[in-house]
N, C-alpha and C. Protein backbone atom coordinates (compact mmCIF):
# COMPACT_ATOMS: atom_id res chain seq x y z
N MET A 1 26.12 -19.82 -6.55
CA MET A 1 24.96 -20.40 -5.91
C MET A 1 23.72 -19.61 -6.30
N ASN A 2 22.72 -20.29 -6.73
CA ASN A 2 21.48 -19.64 -7.13
C ASN A 2 20.54 -19.50 -5.94
N ALA A 3 19.95 -18.33 -5.84
CA ALA A 3 18.95 -18.11 -4.79
C ALA A 3 17.65 -18.76 -5.22
N PRO A 4 16.86 -19.28 -4.29
CA PRO A 4 15.58 -19.88 -4.66
C PRO A 4 14.63 -18.83 -5.22
N LEU A 5 13.87 -19.23 -6.21
CA LEU A 5 12.90 -18.32 -6.80
C LEU A 5 11.72 -18.17 -5.86
N GLN A 6 11.24 -16.95 -5.77
CA GLN A 6 10.06 -16.69 -4.95
C GLN A 6 8.81 -16.90 -5.81
N LYS A 7 7.87 -17.59 -5.26
CA LYS A 7 6.61 -17.79 -5.95
C LYS A 7 5.78 -16.51 -5.82
N ILE A 8 5.42 -15.96 -6.95
CA ILE A 8 4.60 -14.76 -6.95
C ILE A 8 3.16 -15.19 -7.19
N SER A 9 2.33 -14.95 -6.22
CA SER A 9 0.95 -15.40 -6.29
C SER A 9 0.15 -14.56 -7.30
N VAL A 10 -0.93 -15.13 -7.73
CA VAL A 10 -1.83 -14.43 -8.66
C VAL A 10 -2.39 -13.19 -7.99
N GLU A 11 -2.71 -13.29 -6.69
CA GLU A 11 -3.27 -12.15 -5.97
C GLU A 11 -2.28 -10.99 -5.94
N ARG A 12 -1.00 -11.30 -5.73
CA ARG A 12 0.01 -10.25 -5.69
C ARG A 12 0.14 -9.58 -7.05
N LYS A 13 0.15 -10.39 -8.11
CA LYS A 13 0.23 -9.83 -9.45
C LYS A 13 -0.97 -8.93 -9.74
N LEU A 14 -2.15 -9.37 -9.32
CA LEU A 14 -3.35 -8.56 -9.55
C LEU A 14 -3.30 -7.25 -8.78
N LEU A 15 -2.86 -7.30 -7.53
CA LEU A 15 -2.78 -6.07 -6.74
C LEU A 15 -1.75 -5.10 -7.33
N LEU A 16 -0.63 -5.62 -7.78
CA LEU A 16 0.39 -4.76 -8.39
C LEU A 16 -0.12 -4.15 -9.69
N ALA A 17 -0.81 -4.94 -10.49
CA ALA A 17 -1.38 -4.42 -11.74
C ALA A 17 -2.47 -3.38 -11.45
N ALA A 18 -3.29 -3.66 -10.44
CA ALA A 18 -4.34 -2.71 -10.06
C ALA A 18 -3.74 -1.40 -9.59
N ASN A 19 -2.69 -1.46 -8.78
CA ASN A 19 -2.06 -0.24 -8.32
C ASN A 19 -1.42 0.55 -9.45
N GLU A 20 -0.86 -0.15 -10.40
CA GLU A 20 -0.28 0.53 -11.56
C GLU A 20 -1.36 1.32 -12.30
N GLN A 21 -2.51 0.70 -12.51
CA GLN A 21 -3.62 1.37 -13.18
C GLN A 21 -4.18 2.51 -12.33
N LEU A 22 -4.33 2.27 -11.04
CA LEU A 22 -4.88 3.30 -10.15
C LEU A 22 -3.95 4.50 -10.06
N GLU A 23 -2.64 4.27 -10.03
CA GLU A 23 -1.69 5.39 -9.99
C GLU A 23 -1.78 6.20 -11.27
N SER A 24 -2.00 5.54 -12.39
CA SER A 24 -2.17 6.24 -13.66
C SER A 24 -3.44 7.09 -13.64
N VAL A 25 -4.52 6.53 -13.10
CA VAL A 25 -5.77 7.28 -12.97
C VAL A 25 -5.58 8.48 -12.05
N TYR A 26 -4.86 8.28 -10.96
CA TYR A 26 -4.64 9.35 -9.99
C TYR A 26 -3.86 10.51 -10.60
N LEU A 27 -2.91 10.20 -11.48
CA LEU A 27 -2.13 11.26 -12.13
C LEU A 27 -3.02 12.16 -12.99
N HIS A 28 -4.07 11.60 -13.57
CA HIS A 28 -4.96 12.38 -14.41
C HIS A 28 -6.05 13.10 -13.62
N HIS A 29 -6.45 12.49 -12.53
CA HIS A 29 -7.51 13.07 -11.71
C HIS A 29 -7.24 12.71 -10.25
N SER A 30 -6.80 13.68 -9.49
CA SER A 30 -6.42 13.45 -8.08
C SER A 30 -7.66 13.26 -7.22
N ASP A 31 -8.11 12.04 -7.16
CA ASP A 31 -9.30 11.70 -6.39
C ASP A 31 -8.87 11.02 -5.08
N PRO A 32 -9.36 11.50 -3.94
CA PRO A 32 -8.95 10.88 -2.67
C PRO A 32 -9.35 9.41 -2.55
N CYS A 33 -10.44 9.02 -3.18
CA CYS A 33 -10.85 7.61 -3.13
C CYS A 33 -9.85 6.71 -3.83
N VAL A 34 -9.27 7.19 -4.92
CA VAL A 34 -8.26 6.41 -5.64
C VAL A 34 -7.02 6.27 -4.77
N ALA A 35 -6.61 7.34 -4.11
CA ALA A 35 -5.45 7.28 -3.22
C ALA A 35 -5.71 6.30 -2.08
N LEU A 36 -6.92 6.28 -1.57
CA LEU A 36 -7.28 5.35 -0.50
C LEU A 36 -7.20 3.90 -0.98
N LEU A 37 -7.67 3.62 -2.18
CA LEU A 37 -7.58 2.27 -2.74
C LEU A 37 -6.13 1.83 -2.93
N ILE A 38 -5.30 2.74 -3.42
CA ILE A 38 -3.88 2.42 -3.63
C ILE A 38 -3.23 2.10 -2.29
N SER A 39 -3.51 2.90 -1.28
CA SER A 39 -2.94 2.67 0.04
C SER A 39 -3.38 1.32 0.59
N ARG A 40 -4.63 1.01 0.43
CA ARG A 40 -5.16 -0.27 0.91
C ARG A 40 -4.49 -1.44 0.21
N ASN A 41 -4.32 -1.33 -1.10
CA ASN A 41 -3.69 -2.41 -1.85
C ASN A 41 -2.24 -2.63 -1.43
N TYR A 42 -1.50 -1.55 -1.21
CA TYR A 42 -0.11 -1.71 -0.74
C TYR A 42 -0.07 -2.33 0.65
N ASN A 43 -1.03 -1.99 1.47
CA ASN A 43 -1.08 -2.59 2.80
C ASN A 43 -1.37 -4.09 2.71
N LEU A 44 -2.26 -4.48 1.82
CA LEU A 44 -2.53 -5.90 1.61
C LEU A 44 -1.29 -6.63 1.10
N LEU A 45 -0.57 -6.00 0.19
CA LEU A 45 0.67 -6.59 -0.31
C LEU A 45 1.68 -6.76 0.82
N MET A 46 1.78 -5.75 1.66
CA MET A 46 2.73 -5.80 2.77
C MET A 46 2.42 -6.95 3.71
N GLN A 47 1.16 -7.21 3.97
CA GLN A 47 0.78 -8.25 4.91
C GLN A 47 1.10 -9.65 4.39
N GLU A 48 1.14 -9.81 3.08
CA GLU A 48 1.41 -11.12 2.49
C GLU A 48 2.90 -11.39 2.28
N GLN A 49 3.73 -10.38 2.42
CA GLN A 49 5.15 -10.51 2.10
C GLN A 49 5.95 -10.90 3.33
N SER A 50 6.90 -11.83 3.15
CA SER A 50 7.75 -12.24 4.26
C SER A 50 9.10 -11.53 4.26
N ASP A 51 9.54 -11.03 3.10
CA ASP A 51 10.81 -10.32 3.01
C ASP A 51 10.69 -8.94 3.66
N LEU A 52 11.54 -8.68 4.63
CA LEU A 52 11.44 -7.45 5.42
C LEU A 52 11.60 -6.19 4.57
N MET A 53 12.58 -6.17 3.67
CA MET A 53 12.82 -4.96 2.87
C MET A 53 11.63 -4.67 1.95
N THR A 54 11.05 -5.69 1.39
CA THR A 54 9.89 -5.50 0.53
C THR A 54 8.70 -5.01 1.36
N ARG A 55 8.54 -5.60 2.54
CA ARG A 55 7.45 -5.16 3.43
C ARG A 55 7.60 -3.69 3.79
N LEU A 56 8.82 -3.28 4.13
CA LEU A 56 9.04 -1.88 4.49
C LEU A 56 8.78 -0.96 3.30
N ASN A 57 9.17 -1.40 2.11
CA ASN A 57 8.93 -0.60 0.91
C ASN A 57 7.43 -0.41 0.69
N TRP A 58 6.67 -1.50 0.79
CA TRP A 58 5.23 -1.39 0.59
C TRP A 58 4.56 -0.62 1.73
N MET A 59 5.11 -0.70 2.94
CA MET A 59 4.56 0.08 4.05
C MET A 59 4.75 1.57 3.78
N GLN A 60 5.92 1.95 3.27
CA GLN A 60 6.16 3.36 2.96
C GLN A 60 5.21 3.84 1.86
N LYS A 61 4.99 3.00 0.85
CA LYS A 61 4.07 3.39 -0.22
C LYS A 61 2.65 3.51 0.30
N ALA A 62 2.24 2.59 1.16
CA ALA A 62 0.90 2.67 1.75
C ALA A 62 0.74 3.95 2.56
N LYS A 63 1.76 4.30 3.33
CA LYS A 63 1.71 5.53 4.12
C LYS A 63 1.66 6.76 3.23
N TYR A 64 2.44 6.75 2.13
CA TYR A 64 2.43 7.88 1.21
C TYR A 64 1.03 8.09 0.63
N TRP A 65 0.41 7.01 0.16
CA TRP A 65 -0.90 7.15 -0.46
C TRP A 65 -1.97 7.49 0.57
N TRP A 66 -1.80 7.03 1.80
CA TRP A 66 -2.72 7.44 2.88
C TRP A 66 -2.61 8.94 3.11
N GLN A 67 -1.38 9.46 3.07
CA GLN A 67 -1.16 10.91 3.21
C GLN A 67 -1.86 11.67 2.08
N GLN A 68 -1.75 11.14 0.86
CA GLN A 68 -2.41 11.79 -0.27
C GLN A 68 -3.92 11.81 -0.06
N TYR A 69 -4.46 10.70 0.41
CA TYR A 69 -5.89 10.63 0.69
C TYR A 69 -6.29 11.67 1.73
N LEU A 70 -5.56 11.74 2.84
CA LEU A 70 -5.89 12.71 3.88
C LEU A 70 -5.78 14.14 3.39
N LYS A 71 -4.73 14.40 2.63
CA LYS A 71 -4.52 15.76 2.13
C LYS A 71 -5.67 16.20 1.23
N LEU A 72 -6.14 15.32 0.37
CA LEU A 72 -7.23 15.67 -0.55
C LEU A 72 -8.60 15.67 0.11
N SER A 73 -8.81 14.77 1.06
CA SER A 73 -10.14 14.67 1.66
C SER A 73 -10.35 15.61 2.84
N THR A 74 -9.29 15.89 3.59
CA THR A 74 -9.45 16.74 4.78
C THR A 74 -8.57 17.98 4.74
N GLY A 75 -7.59 18.01 3.86
CA GLY A 75 -6.66 19.13 3.82
C GLY A 75 -5.61 19.06 4.92
N ARG A 76 -5.56 17.94 5.65
CA ARG A 76 -4.61 17.78 6.75
C ARG A 76 -3.60 16.69 6.44
N ARG A 77 -2.50 16.75 7.15
CA ARG A 77 -1.49 15.70 7.08
C ARG A 77 -1.40 15.07 8.45
N VAL A 78 -0.98 13.83 8.48
CA VAL A 78 -0.82 13.14 9.75
C VAL A 78 0.62 12.67 9.84
N SER A 79 1.17 12.69 11.03
CA SER A 79 2.53 12.23 11.25
C SER A 79 2.49 10.97 12.10
N TYR A 80 3.13 9.93 11.61
CA TYR A 80 3.17 8.67 12.36
C TYR A 80 4.30 8.65 13.37
N GLY A 81 5.34 9.43 13.13
CA GLY A 81 6.48 9.41 14.03
C GLY A 81 7.14 8.05 14.04
N SER A 82 7.80 7.73 15.11
CA SER A 82 8.50 6.45 15.20
C SER A 82 7.69 5.42 15.97
N SER A 83 6.46 5.74 16.31
CA SER A 83 5.66 4.83 17.13
C SER A 83 4.77 3.91 16.31
N LEU A 84 5.03 3.79 15.00
CA LEU A 84 4.20 2.93 14.16
C LEU A 84 4.54 1.48 14.40
N HIS A 85 3.55 0.70 14.74
CA HIS A 85 3.71 -0.73 14.94
C HIS A 85 2.79 -1.45 13.99
N TYR A 86 3.08 -2.70 13.72
CA TYR A 86 2.27 -3.48 12.80
C TYR A 86 0.81 -3.51 13.23
N ASP A 87 0.55 -3.58 14.51
CA ASP A 87 -0.83 -3.66 15.00
C ASP A 87 -1.59 -2.34 14.84
N ASP A 88 -0.85 -1.25 14.61
CA ASP A 88 -1.48 0.06 14.48
C ASP A 88 -1.83 0.41 13.04
N LEU A 89 -1.57 -0.47 12.10
CA LEU A 89 -1.84 -0.15 10.70
C LEU A 89 -3.32 0.08 10.49
N LEU A 90 -3.62 0.88 9.49
CA LEU A 90 -4.97 1.34 9.29
C LEU A 90 -5.89 0.29 8.70
N PHE A 91 -5.35 -0.62 7.90
CA PHE A 91 -6.18 -1.60 7.23
C PHE A 91 -5.76 -2.98 7.66
N LYS A 92 -6.70 -3.81 7.88
CA LYS A 92 -6.45 -5.19 8.22
C LYS A 92 -6.92 -6.06 7.06
N ARG A 93 -6.33 -7.21 6.91
CA ARG A 93 -6.71 -8.11 5.83
C ARG A 93 -8.04 -8.76 6.17
N ILE A 94 -8.89 -8.80 5.18
CA ILE A 94 -10.20 -9.43 5.33
C ILE A 94 -10.25 -10.61 4.37
N THR A 95 -10.53 -11.79 4.89
CA THR A 95 -10.65 -12.95 4.03
C THR A 95 -12.12 -13.26 3.84
N LEU A 96 -12.46 -13.61 2.62
CA LEU A 96 -13.85 -13.91 2.29
C LEU A 96 -14.04 -15.40 2.16
């Protein structure tokens, strides 16, 4: 039995390509603004995804890059613990 193919939107492809480029830039120059953009993009990807495992994967990546941003910009780390809820996420989707 074949599983149905998931439609991958143009926006998702663009965000994934942007993150790939931004991660490459970050490896050469650890800029907190780049880490912030990567975190934001993963959060946007997470909000559009219906598959739970993919959402959790992108949530973890968003949290990792947010940590990198905080570490470089403030020198501090933040712990989310187990109290992280969807409504508590740092970035919300903005439609234009």
